[in-house]
């Protein structure tokens, strides 16, 4: 292994996710920080993460984090709720001395704490994220009197990642997952998966316009800006940043589906090898 580049302002911000969902986070970062460079890695070969075990998620996150740091990065963003929930402490322990690490759970929970009026907060997330209890802990820290109502949504992210038409199957899944939150009378709902903003209008229609929906994109963009400022790693604002893409499965499929999530032009996507993983369990 060669020498790892030390963080400096000219290096890109590295973002990783289980697939294309994290491109919704990257979109907000590109809009909020247009002068910064970014590299995004989608681990499409091992998608979905939402039904993986905590030990698998930790191993994946450490592998991807090391890969991106070795390529050169000044900040590492985990744009995956399941990976953040299972592996953020391990990543901070392993890489924290070399690079700052930003996850999605705490920033979203702080937004939800500010948004809720009743203290009744819903969570839509993958089974792995719900089982981790990470959002309960983060919300209890941000709003000690609030109560979280989590709903596991095993089928929603794969349906969205498939990139097909929004059909009755998607509508039925959204309605079914929102029903327990409506019964609980929540006034704020956290989207605990970066794929879910793609069906946000459908979720809002099901939950009702009086319910605030919190997603990770803007929260992460704000956290990234703060982390760069604290470390003195910002680029000059009079430049236009660049962004590039890596994925662990077929680059053309990633580019085709990813364009819908990023909502900005995507250029070439380069393939990277990752360790094989057991097939995800059926939820």
C-alpha atoms as a PDB file:
ATOM      1  CA  UNK A   1       0.000   0.000   0.000  1.00  0.00           C
ATOM      2  CA  UNK A   2       1.365   3.416  -0.968  1.00  0.00           C
ATOM      3  CA  UNK A   3       1.362   6.499   1.188  1.00  0.00           C
ATOM      4  CA  UNK A   4      -2.141   7.786   1.906  1.00  0.00           C
ATOM      5  CA  UNK A   5      -2.587  11.427   0.821  1.00  0.00           C
ATOM      6  CA  UNK A   6      -3.060  13.703   3.818  1.00  0.00           C
ATOM      7  CA  UNK A   7      -6.270  15.785   3.731  1.00  0.00           C
ATOM      8  CA  UNK A   8      -5.802  19.164   2.069  1.00  0.00           C
ATOM      9  CA  UNK A   9      -8.214  21.595   0.469  1.00  0.00           C
ATOM     10  CA  UNK A  10      -7.536  20.512  -3.141  1.00  0.00           C
ATOM     11  CA  UNK A  11      -8.650  16.907  -2.529  1.00  0.00           C
ATOM     12  CA  UNK A  12     -12.270  15.876  -3.234  1.00  0.00           C
ATOM     13  CA  UNK A  13     -14.969  15.055  -0.721  1.00  0.00           C
ATOM     14  CA  UNK A  14     -15.655  11.317  -0.912  1.00  0.00           C
ATOM     15  CA  UNK A  15     -19.238  10.035  -0.654  1.00  0.00           C
ATOM     16  CA  UNK A  16     -20.336   6.398  -0.576  1.00  0.00           C
ATOM     17  CA  UNK A  17     -23.627   4.503  -0.516  1.00  0.00           C
ATOM     18  CA  UNK A  18     -24.962   1.026  -1.179  1.00  0.00           C
ATOM     19  CA  UNK A  19     -26.176   2.083  -4.623  1.00  0.00           C
ATOM     20  CA  UNK A  20     -27.632   5.164  -6.281  1.00  0.00           C
ATOM     21  CA  UNK A  21     -29.739   6.428  -3.365  1.00  0.00           C
ATOM     22  CA  UNK A  22     -26.880   8.469  -1.955  1.00  0.00           C
ATOM     23  CA  UNK A  23     -26.930  10.536  -5.148  1.00  0.00           C
ATOM     24  CA  UNK A  24     -29.847  12.416  -3.558  1.00  0.00           C
ATOM     25  CA  UNK A  25     -27.354  13.513  -0.876  1.00  0.00           C
ATOM     26  CA  UNK A  26     -24.694  14.290  -3.461  1.00  0.00           C
ATOM     27  CA  UNK A  27     -27.220  16.418  -5.367  1.00  0.00           C
ATOM     28  CA  UNK A  28     -27.737  18.670  -2.334  1.00  0.00           C
ATOM     29  CA  UNK A  29     -23.988  18.890  -1.747  1.00  0.00           C
ATOM     30  CA  UNK A  30     -23.333  19.872  -5.368  1.00  0.00           C
ATOM     31  CA  UNK A  31     -26.006  22.563  -5.196  1.00  0.00           C
ATOM     32  CA  UNK A  32     -24.903  23.921  -1.796  1.00  0.00           C
ATOM     33  CA  UNK A  33     -21.136  23.614  -2.394  1.00  0.00           C
ATOM     34  CA  UNK A  34     -20.674  24.104  -6.151  1.00  0.00           C
ATOM     35  CA  UNK A  35     -17.015  25.088  -5.677  1.00  0.00           C
ATOM     36  CA  UNK A  36     -16.024  21.753  -4.087  1.00  0.00           C
ATOM     37  CA  UNK A  37     -14.904  18.558  -5.855  1.00  0.00           C
ATOM     38  CA  UNK A  38     -16.643  15.256  -5.082  1.00  0.00           C
ATOM     39  CA  UNK A  39     -16.091  11.566  -5.817  1.00  0.00           C
ATOM     40  CA  UNK A  40     -19.032   9.193  -5.304  1.00  0.00           C
ATOM     41  CA  UNK A  41     -18.813   5.414  -4.879  1.00  0.00           C
ATOM     42  CA  UNK A  42     -21.951   3.286  -5.230  1.00  0.00           C
ATOM     43  CA  UNK A  43     -21.534  -0.281  -3.940  1.00  0.00           C
ATOM     44  CA  UNK A  44     -24.076  -1.647  -6.403  1.00  0.00           C
ATOM     45  CA  UNK A  45     -22.510  -5.135  -6.411  1.00  0.00           C
ATOM     46  CA  UNK A  46     -23.625  -5.658  -2.807  1.00  0.00           C
ATOM     47  CA  UNK A  47     -26.936  -3.740  -2.880  1.00  0.00           C
ATOM     48  CA  UNK A  48     -29.191  -3.773  -0.915  1.00  0.00           C
ATOM     49  CA  UNK A  49     -27.566  -2.988   2.425  1.00  0.00           C
ATOM     50  CA  UNK A  50     -30.916  -2.792   4.219  1.00  0.00           C
ATOM     51  CA  UNK A  51     -31.140  -6.504   4.996  1.00  0.00           C
ATOM     52  CA  UNK A  52     -27.447  -7.058   5.799  1.00  0.00           C
ATOM     53  CA  UNK A  53     -26.138  -7.922   9.266  1.00  0.00           C
ATOM     54  CA  UNK A  54     -24.320  -5.295  11.358  1.00  0.00           C
ATOM     55  CA  UNK A  55     -21.003  -7.143  10.938  1.00  0.00           C
ATOM     56  CA  UNK A  56     -21.401  -7.205   7.147  1.00  0.00           C
ATOM     57  CA  UNK A  57     -22.266  -3.510   7.054  1.00  0.00           C
ATOM     58  CA  UNK A  58     -19.262  -2.641   9.207  1.00  0.00           C
ATOM     59  CA  UNK A  59     -16.955  -4.656   6.938  1.00  0.00           C
ATOM     60  CA  UNK A  60     -18.371  -3.008   3.800  1.00  0.00           C
ATOM     61  CA  UNK A  61     -18.081   0.498   5.246  1.00  0.00           C
ATOM     62  CA  UNK A  62     -14.489  -0.017   6.402  1.00  0.00           C
ATOM     63  CA  UNK A  63     -13.504  -1.414   3.011  1.00  0.00           C
ATOM     64  CA  UNK A  64     -15.091   1.446   1.064  1.00  0.00           C
ATOM     65  CA  UNK A  65     -13.752   4.048   3.470  1.00  0.00           C
ATOM     66  CA  UNK A  66     -10.200   2.752   3.150  1.00  0.00           C
ATOM     67  CA  UNK A  67     -10.519   2.587  -0.646  1.00  0.00           C
ATOM     68  CA  UNK A  68     -11.635   6.201  -0.907  1.00  0.00           C
ATOM     69  CA  UNK A  69      -9.077   7.521   1.589  1.00  0.00           C
ATOM     70  CA  UNK A  70      -6.279   5.745  -0.276  1.00  0.00           C
ATOM     71  CA  UNK A  71      -7.422   7.354  -3.538  1.00  0.00           C
ATOM     72  CA  UNK A  72      -7.255  10.765  -1.854  1.00  0.00           C
ATOM     73  CA  UNK A  73     -10.074  12.561  -0.025  1.00  0.00           C
ATOM     74  CA  UNK A  74     -10.349  15.380   2.516  1.00  0.00           C
ATOM     75  CA  UNK A  75     -13.686  14.317   4.069  1.00  0.00           C
ATOM     76  CA  UNK A  76     -15.648  11.058   4.037  1.00  0.00           C
ATOM     77  CA  UNK A  77     -19.454  11.100   3.830  1.00  0.00           C
ATOM     78  CA  UNK A  78     -21.482   7.954   4.572  1.00  0.00           C
ATOM     79  CA  UNK A  79     -24.580   8.625   2.460  1.00  0.00           C
ATOM     80  CA  UNK A  80     -26.171   5.356   3.556  1.00  0.00           C
ATOM     81  CA  UNK A  81     -28.416   5.126   6.599  1.00  0.00           C
ATOM     82  CA  UNK A  82     -27.890   1.401   7.160  1.00  0.00           C
ATOM     83  CA  UNK A  83     -24.098   1.712   6.973  1.00  0.00           C
ATOM     84  CA  UNK A  84     -24.093   4.790   9.217  1.00  0.00           C
ATOM     85  CA  UNK A  85     -26.303   3.042  11.781  1.00  0.00           C
ATOM     86  CA  UNK A  86     -24.066  -0.028  11.959  1.00  0.00           C
ATOM     87  CA  UNK A  87     -20.580   1.246  11.224  1.00  0.00           C
ATOM     88  CA  UNK A  88     -20.081   4.946  12.008  1.00  0.00           C
ATOM     89  CA  UNK A  89     -18.305   4.341  15.362  1.00  0.00           C
ATOM     90  CA  UNK A  90     -15.971   1.752  13.774  1.00  0.00           C
ATOM     91  CA  UNK A  91     -15.201   4.053  10.859  1.00  0.00           C
ATOM     92  CA  UNK A  92     -14.482   6.964  13.201  1.00  0.00           C
ATOM     93  CA  UNK A  93     -12.157   4.752  15.272  1.00  0.00           C
ATOM     94  CA  UNK A  94     -10.330   3.378  12.236  1.00  0.00           C
ATOM     95  CA  UNK A  95     -10.132   6.432   9.984  1.00  0.00           C
ATOM     96  CA  UNK A  96     -10.867   9.326  12.339  1.00  0.00           C
ATOM     97  CA  UNK A  97      -7.192  10.064  12.866  1.00  0.00           C
ATOM     98  CA  UNK A  98      -6.698  10.496   9.121  1.00  0.00           C
ATOM     99  CA  UNK A  99      -9.938  12.052   7.877  1.00  0.00           C
ATOM    100  CA  UNK A 100     -13.213  13.523   9.125  1.00  0.00           C
ATOM    101  CA  UNK A 101     -16.255  11.239   8.818  1.00  0.00           C
ATOM    102  CA  UNK A 102     -19.845  12.469   8.369  1.00  0.00           C
ATOM    103  CA  UNK A 103     -22.867  10.156   8.714  1.00  0.00           C
ATOM    104  CA  UNK A 104     -26.550  10.725   8.014  1.00  0.00           C
ATOM    105  CA  UNK A 105     -28.298   9.723  11.256  1.00  0.00           C
ATOM    106  CA  UNK A 106     -27.404  12.522  13.676  1.00  0.00           C
ATOM    107  CA  UNK A 107     -27.943  15.445  11.237  1.00  0.00           C
ATOM    108  CA  UNK A 108     -31.382  14.093  10.251  1.00  0.00           C
ATOM    109  CA  UNK A 109     -32.364  13.526  13.868  1.00  0.00           C
ATOM    110  CA  UNK A 110     -31.431  17.094  14.779  1.00  0.00           C
ATOM    111  CA  UNK A 111     -33.602  18.375  11.909  1.00  0.00           C
ATOM    112  CA  UNK A 112     -36.510  16.222  13.086  1.00  0.00           C
ATOM    113  CA  UNK A 113     -36.085  17.503  16.648  1.00  0.00           C
ATOM    114  CA  UNK A 114     -36.413  21.071  15.384  1.00  0.00           C
ATOM    115  CA  UNK A 115     -39.367  20.258  13.127  1.00  0.00           C
ATOM    116  CA  UNK A 116     -41.640  18.329  15.496  1.00  0.00           C
ATOM    117  CA  UNK A 117     -44.278  20.172  17.499  1.00  0.00           C
ATOM    118  CA  UNK A 118     -45.879  17.208  19.253  1.00  0.00           C
ATOM    119  CA  UNK A 119     -42.757  15.134  19.904  1.00  0.00           C
ATOM    120  CA  UNK A 120     -44.234  12.238  17.902  1.00  0.00           C
ATOM    121  CA  UNK A 121     -41.701  11.426  15.177  1.00  0.00           C
ATOM    122  CA  UNK A 122     -41.981   8.693  12.553  1.00  0.00           C
ATOM    123  CA  UNK A 123     -39.140   6.842  10.850  1.00  0.00           C
ATOM    124  CA  UNK A 124     -39.297   5.049   7.503  1.00  0.00           C
ATOM    125  CA  UNK A 125     -36.122   2.993   7.010  1.00  0.00           C
ATOM    126  CA  UNK A 126     -34.675  -0.347   6.002  1.00  0.00           C
ATOM    127  CA  UNK A 127     -34.851  -3.288   8.439  1.00  0.00           C
ATOM    128  CA  UNK A 128     -31.128  -2.978   9.261  1.00  0.00           C
ATOM    129  CA  UNK A 129     -31.457   0.701  10.143  1.00  0.00           C
ATOM    130  CA  UNK A 130     -34.561   0.169  12.275  1.00  0.00           C
ATOM    131  CA  UNK A 131     -33.001  -2.809  14.089  1.00  0.00           C
ATOM    132  CA  UNK A 132     -29.850  -0.831  14.915  1.00  0.00           C
ATOM    133  CA  UNK A 133     -31.707   1.600  17.188  1.00  0.00           C
ATOM    134  CA  UNK A 134     -29.418   4.391  15.924  1.00  0.00           C
ATOM    135  CA  UNK A 135     -32.270   6.835  15.313  1.00  0.00           C
ATOM    136  CA  UNK A 136     -33.793   6.225  18.748  1.00  0.00           C
ATOM    137  CA  UNK A 137     -30.453   7.107  20.321  1.00  0.00           C
ATOM    138  CA  UNK A 138     -29.846  10.140  18.106  1.00  0.00           C
ATOM    139  CA  UNK A 139     -33.363  11.526  18.580  1.00  0.00           C
ATOM    140  CA  UNK A 140     -33.196  10.987  22.352  1.00  0.00           C
ATOM    141  CA  UNK A 141     -30.014  13.060  22.357  1.00  0.00           C
ATOM    142  CA  UNK A 142     -31.488  15.820  20.177  1.00  0.00           C
ATOM    143  CA  UNK A 143     -34.990  15.871  21.726  1.00  0.00           C
ATOM    144  CA  UNK A 144     -35.133  13.935  25.021  1.00  0.00           C
ATOM    145  CA  UNK A 145     -38.926  14.191  25.276  1.00  0.00           C
ATOM    146  CA  UNK A 146     -39.674  12.969  21.745  1.00  0.00           C
ATOM    147  CA  UNK A 147     -40.910   9.503  20.854  1.00  0.00           C
ATOM    148  CA  UNK A 148     -39.822   7.655  17.711  1.00  0.00           C
ATOM    149  CA  UNK A 149     -42.222   5.424  15.768  1.00  0.00           C
ATOM    150  CA  UNK A 150     -40.054   3.295  13.442  1.00  0.00           C
ATOM    151  CA  UNK A 151     -41.416   1.378  10.432  1.00  0.00           C
ATOM    152  CA  UNK A 152     -39.191  -1.068   8.536  1.00  0.00           C
ATOM    153  CA  UNK A 153     -39.650  -0.895   4.744  1.00  0.00           C
ATOM    154  CA  UNK A 154     -37.831  -3.918   3.278  1.00  0.00           C
ATOM    155  CA  UNK A 155     -39.241  -3.628  -0.249  1.00  0.00           C
ATOM    156  CA  UNK A 156     -39.178   0.118  -0.893  1.00  0.00           C
ATOM    157  CA  UNK A 157     -35.484   0.789  -1.669  1.00  0.00           C
ATOM    158  CA  UNK A 158     -35.158  -2.146  -4.127  1.00  0.00           C
ATOM    159  CA  UNK A 159     -38.302  -0.984  -5.944  1.00  0.00           C
ATOM    160  CA  UNK A 160     -36.914   2.551  -6.255  1.00  0.00           C
ATOM    161  CA  UNK A 161     -33.409   1.387  -7.224  1.00  0.00           C
ATOM    162  CA  UNK A 162     -34.868  -0.737 -10.040  1.00  0.00           C
ATOM    163  CA  UNK A 163     -35.642   2.544 -11.778  1.00  0.00           C
ATOM    164  CA  UNK A 164     -38.926   1.503 -13.350  1.00  0.00           C
ATOM    165  CA  UNK A 165     -42.147   3.433 -13.663  1.00  0.00           C
ATOM    166  CA  UNK A 166     -43.929   4.523 -10.493  1.00  0.00           C
ATOM    167  CA  UNK A 167     -46.804   2.064 -10.611  1.00  0.00           C
ATOM    168  CA  UNK A 168     -49.485   0.652  -8.322  1.00  0.00           C
ATOM    169  CA  UNK A 169     -46.948  -1.621  -6.657  1.00  0.00           C
ATOM    170  CA  UNK A 170     -44.986   1.390  -5.393  1.00  0.00           C
ATOM    171  CA  UNK A 171     -48.173   3.225  -4.370  1.00  0.00           C
ATOM    172  CA  UNK A 172     -49.386   0.198  -2.396  1.00  0.00           C
ATOM    173  CA  UNK A 173     -46.029  -0.158  -0.600  1.00  0.00           C
ATOM    174  CA  UNK A 174     -45.937   3.532   0.321  1.00  0.00           C
ATOM    175  CA  UNK A 175     -49.507   3.466   1.628  1.00  0.00           C
ATOM    176  CA  UNK A 176     -48.838   0.332   3.694  1.00  0.00           C
ATOM    177  CA  UNK A 177     -45.668   1.725   5.256  1.00  0.00           C
ATOM    178  CA  UNK A 178     -47.283   5.091   6.068  1.00  0.00           C
ATOM    179  CA  UNK A 179     -50.379   3.606   7.699  1.00  0.00           C
ATOM    180  CA  UNK A 180     -48.778   2.867  11.133  1.00  0.00           C
ATOM    181  CA  UNK A 181     -47.396   6.423  11.236  1.00  0.00           C
ATOM    182  CA  UNK A 182     -50.809   7.912  10.520  1.00  0.00           C
ATOM    183  CA  UNK A 183     -52.322   5.787  13.308  1.00  0.00           C
ATOM    184  CA  UNK A 184     -49.587   6.996  15.680  1.00  0.00           C
ATOM    185  CA  UNK A 185     -50.401  10.635  14.890  1.00  0.00           C
ATOM    186  CA  UNK A 186     -46.841  11.679  14.055  1.00  0.00           C
ATOM    187  CA  UNK A 187     -46.262  15.241  12.883  1.00  0.00           C
ATOM    188  CA  UNK A 188     -42.749  14.660  11.516  1.00  0.00           C
ATOM    189  CA  UNK A 189     -41.318  11.742   9.528  1.00  0.00           C
ATOM    190  CA  UNK A 190     -37.645  10.983   8.967  1.00  0.00           C
ATOM    191  CA  UNK A 191     -36.777   9.380   5.630  1.00  0.00           C
ATOM    192  CA  UNK A 192     -34.181   6.950   6.932  1.00  0.00           C
ATOM    193  CA  UNK A 193     -32.968   5.794   3.522  1.00  0.00           C
ATOM    194  CA  UNK A 194     -31.424   7.949   0.814  1.00  0.00           C
ATOM    195  CA  UNK A 195     -33.582   6.271  -1.849  1.00  0.00           C
ATOM    196  CA  UNK A 196     -36.840   7.529  -0.341  1.00  0.00           C
ATOM    197  CA  UNK A 197     -36.678  11.184  -1.479  1.00  0.00           C
ATOM    198  CA  UNK A 198     -37.471   9.881  -4.983  1.00  0.00           C
ATOM    199  CA  UNK A 199     -40.997   9.050  -3.780  1.00  0.00           C
ATOM    200  CA  UNK A 200     -41.322  12.020  -1.417  1.00  0.00           C
ATOM    201  CA  UNK A 201     -44.389  13.483  -3.203  1.00  0.00           C
ATOM    202  CA  UNK A 202     -46.151  10.133  -2.833  1.00  0.00           C
ATOM    203  CA  UNK A 203     -45.176   9.920   0.841  1.00  0.00           C
ATOM    204  CA  UNK A 204     -46.397  13.468   1.485  1.00  0.00           C
ATOM    205  CA  UNK A 205     -49.722  12.708  -0.207  1.00  0.00           C
ATOM    206  CA  UNK A 206     -50.177   9.617   1.965  1.00  0.00           C
ATOM    207  CA  UNK A 207     -49.091  11.242   5.245  1.00  0.00           C
ATOM    208  CA  UNK A 208     -50.914  14.529   4.683  1.00  0.00           C
ATOM    209  CA  UNK A 209     -49.613  18.032   4.134  1.00  0.00           C
ATOM    210  CA  UNK A 210     -49.512  18.766   7.870  1.00  0.00           C
ATOM    211  CA  UNK A 211     -46.708  16.239   8.385  1.00  0.00           C
ATOM    212  CA  UNK A 212     -43.132  17.507   8.011  1.00  0.00           C
ATOM    213  CA  UNK A 213     -40.833  15.187   6.062  1.00  0.00           C
ATOM    214  CA  UNK A 214     -37.129  15.260   6.924  1.00  0.00           C
ATOM    215  CA  UNK A 215     -34.515  13.864   4.546  1.00  0.00           C
ATOM    216  CA  UNK A 216     -30.754  13.714   4.769  1.00  0.00           C
ATOM    217  CA  UNK A 217     -29.686  15.723   1.715  1.00  0.00           C
ATOM    218  CA  UNK A 218     -29.667  19.297   3.012  1.00  0.00           C
ATOM    219  CA  UNK A 219     -28.750  18.196   6.538  1.00  0.00           C
ATOM    220  CA  UNK A 220     -25.631  16.474   5.204  1.00  0.00           C
ATOM    221  CA  UNK A 221     -24.717  19.386   2.929  1.00  0.00           C
ATOM    222  CA  UNK A 222     -24.818  21.687   5.970  1.00  0.00           C
ATOM    223  CA  UNK A 223     -22.758  19.211   8.026  1.00  0.00           C
ATOM    224  CA  UNK A 224     -20.154  18.887   5.253  1.00  0.00           C
ATOM    225  CA  UNK A 225     -19.806  22.660   5.014  1.00  0.00           C
ATOM    226  CA  UNK A 226     -19.360  22.918   8.792  1.00  0.00           C
ATOM    227  CA  UNK A 227     -16.791  20.074   8.880  1.00  0.00           C
ATOM    228  CA  UNK A 228     -14.706  21.640   6.101  1.00  0.00           C
ATOM    229  CA  UNK A 229     -14.791  25.044   7.778  1.00  0.00           C
ATOM    230  CA  UNK A 230     -13.704  23.604  11.140  1.00  0.00           C
ATOM    231  CA  UNK A 231     -10.751  21.847   9.477  1.00  0.00           C
ATOM    232  CA  UNK A 232      -9.787  24.750   7.206  1.00  0.00           C
ATOM    233  CA  UNK A 233     -10.310  22.580   4.104  1.00  0.00           C
ATOM    234  CA  UNK A 234     -12.684  24.732   2.037  1.00  0.00           C
ATOM    235  CA  UNK A 235     -11.970  25.506  -1.599  1.00  0.00           C
ATOM    236  CA  UNK A 236     -12.203  29.067  -2.921  1.00  0.00           C
ATOM    237  CA  UNK A 237     -15.778  29.941  -3.896  1.00  0.00           C
ATOM    238  CA  UNK A 238     -14.754  31.517  -7.211  1.00  0.00           C
ATOM    239  CA  UNK A 239     -14.288  28.130  -8.927  1.00  0.00           C
ATOM    240  CA  UNK A 240     -16.595  25.455 -10.339  1.00  0.00           C
ATOM    241  CA  UNK A 241     -16.065  22.071  -8.724  1.00  0.00           C
ATOM    242  CA  UNK A 242     -15.907  18.712 -10.501  1.00  0.00           C
ATOM    243  CA  UNK A 243     -17.534  15.418  -9.617  1.00  0.00           C
ATOM    244  CA  UNK A 244     -16.818  11.827 -10.630  1.00  0.00           C
ATOM    245  CA  UNK A 245     -18.310   8.387 -10.065  1.00  0.00           C
ATOM    246  CA  UNK A 246     -17.223   4.878  -9.127  1.00  0.00           C
ATOM    247  CA  UNK A 247     -19.351   1.752  -8.753  1.00  0.00           C
ATOM    248  CA  UNK A 248     -18.775  -1.894  -7.927  1.00  0.00           C
ATOM    249  CA  UNK A 249     -21.124  -3.408 -10.531  1.00  0.00           C
ATOM    250  CA  UNK A 250     -22.043  -2.416 -14.104  1.00  0.00           C
ATOM    251  CA  UNK A 251     -21.079   1.242 -14.765  1.00  0.00           C
ATOM    252  CA  UNK A 252     -23.602   1.779 -17.555  1.00  0.00           C
ATOM    253  CA  UNK A 253     -26.517   0.556 -15.424  1.00  0.00           C
ATOM    254  CA  UNK A 254     -25.343   2.821 -12.616  1.00  0.00           C
ATOM    255  CA  UNK A 255     -25.184   5.811 -14.944  1.00  0.00           C
ATOM    256  CA  UNK A 256     -28.618   5.124 -16.455  1.00  0.00           C
ATOM    257  CA  UNK A 257     -30.417   4.773 -13.117  1.00  0.00           C
ATOM    258  CA  UNK A 258     -28.258   7.308 -11.309  1.00  0.00           C
ATOM    259  CA  UNK A 259     -29.141  10.209 -13.591  1.00  0.00           C
ATOM    260  CA  UNK A 260     -32.700  10.136 -12.216  1.00  0.00           C
ATOM    261  CA  UNK A 261     -31.410  10.391  -8.640  1.00  0.00           C
ATOM    262  CA  UNK A 262     -28.707  13.008  -9.230  1.00  0.00           C
ATOM    263  CA  UNK A 263     -30.865  15.287 -11.425  1.00  0.00           C
ATOM    264  CA  UNK A 264     -27.643  16.638 -12.926  1.00  0.00           C
ATOM    265  CA  UNK A 265     -25.515  15.414 -15.847  1.00  0.00           C
ATOM    266  CA  UNK A 266     -23.444  12.285 -15.192  1.00  0.00           C
ATOM    267  CA  UNK A 267     -20.308  11.580 -17.152  1.00  0.00           C
ATOM    268  CA  UNK A 268     -18.308   8.366 -17.252  1.00  0.00           C
ATOM    269  CA  UNK A 269     -18.537   5.905 -14.365  1.00  0.00           C
ATOM    270  CA  UNK A 270     -15.498   3.812 -13.454  1.00  0.00           C
ATOM    271  CA  UNK A 271     -15.675   0.293 -12.044  1.00  0.00           C
ATOM    272  CA  UNK A 272     -13.922  -0.670  -8.801  1.00  0.00           C
ATOM    273  CA  UNK A 273     -13.537  -4.141  -7.310  1.00  0.00           C
ATOM    274  CA  UNK A 274     -14.834  -4.929  -3.843  1.00  0.00           C
ATOM    275  CA  UNK A 275     -14.794  -8.087  -1.762  1.00  0.00           C
ATOM    276  CA  UNK A 276     -17.642 -10.512  -2.499  1.00  0.00           C
ATOM    277  CA  UNK A 277     -20.398 -10.753   0.083  1.00  0.00           C
ATOM    278  CA  UNK A 278     -23.049 -13.331   0.994  1.00  0.00           C
ATOM    279  CA  UNK A 279     -26.388 -12.863  -0.715  1.00  0.00           C
ATOM    280  CA  UNK A 280     -28.616 -10.565   1.332  1.00  0.00           C
ATOM    281  CA  UNK A 281     -31.190 -12.392   3.419  1.00  0.00           C
ATOM    282  CA  UNK A 282     -34.809 -12.226   2.327  1.00  0.00           C
ATOM    283  CA  UNK A 283     -36.727 -10.017   4.720  1.00  0.00           C
END
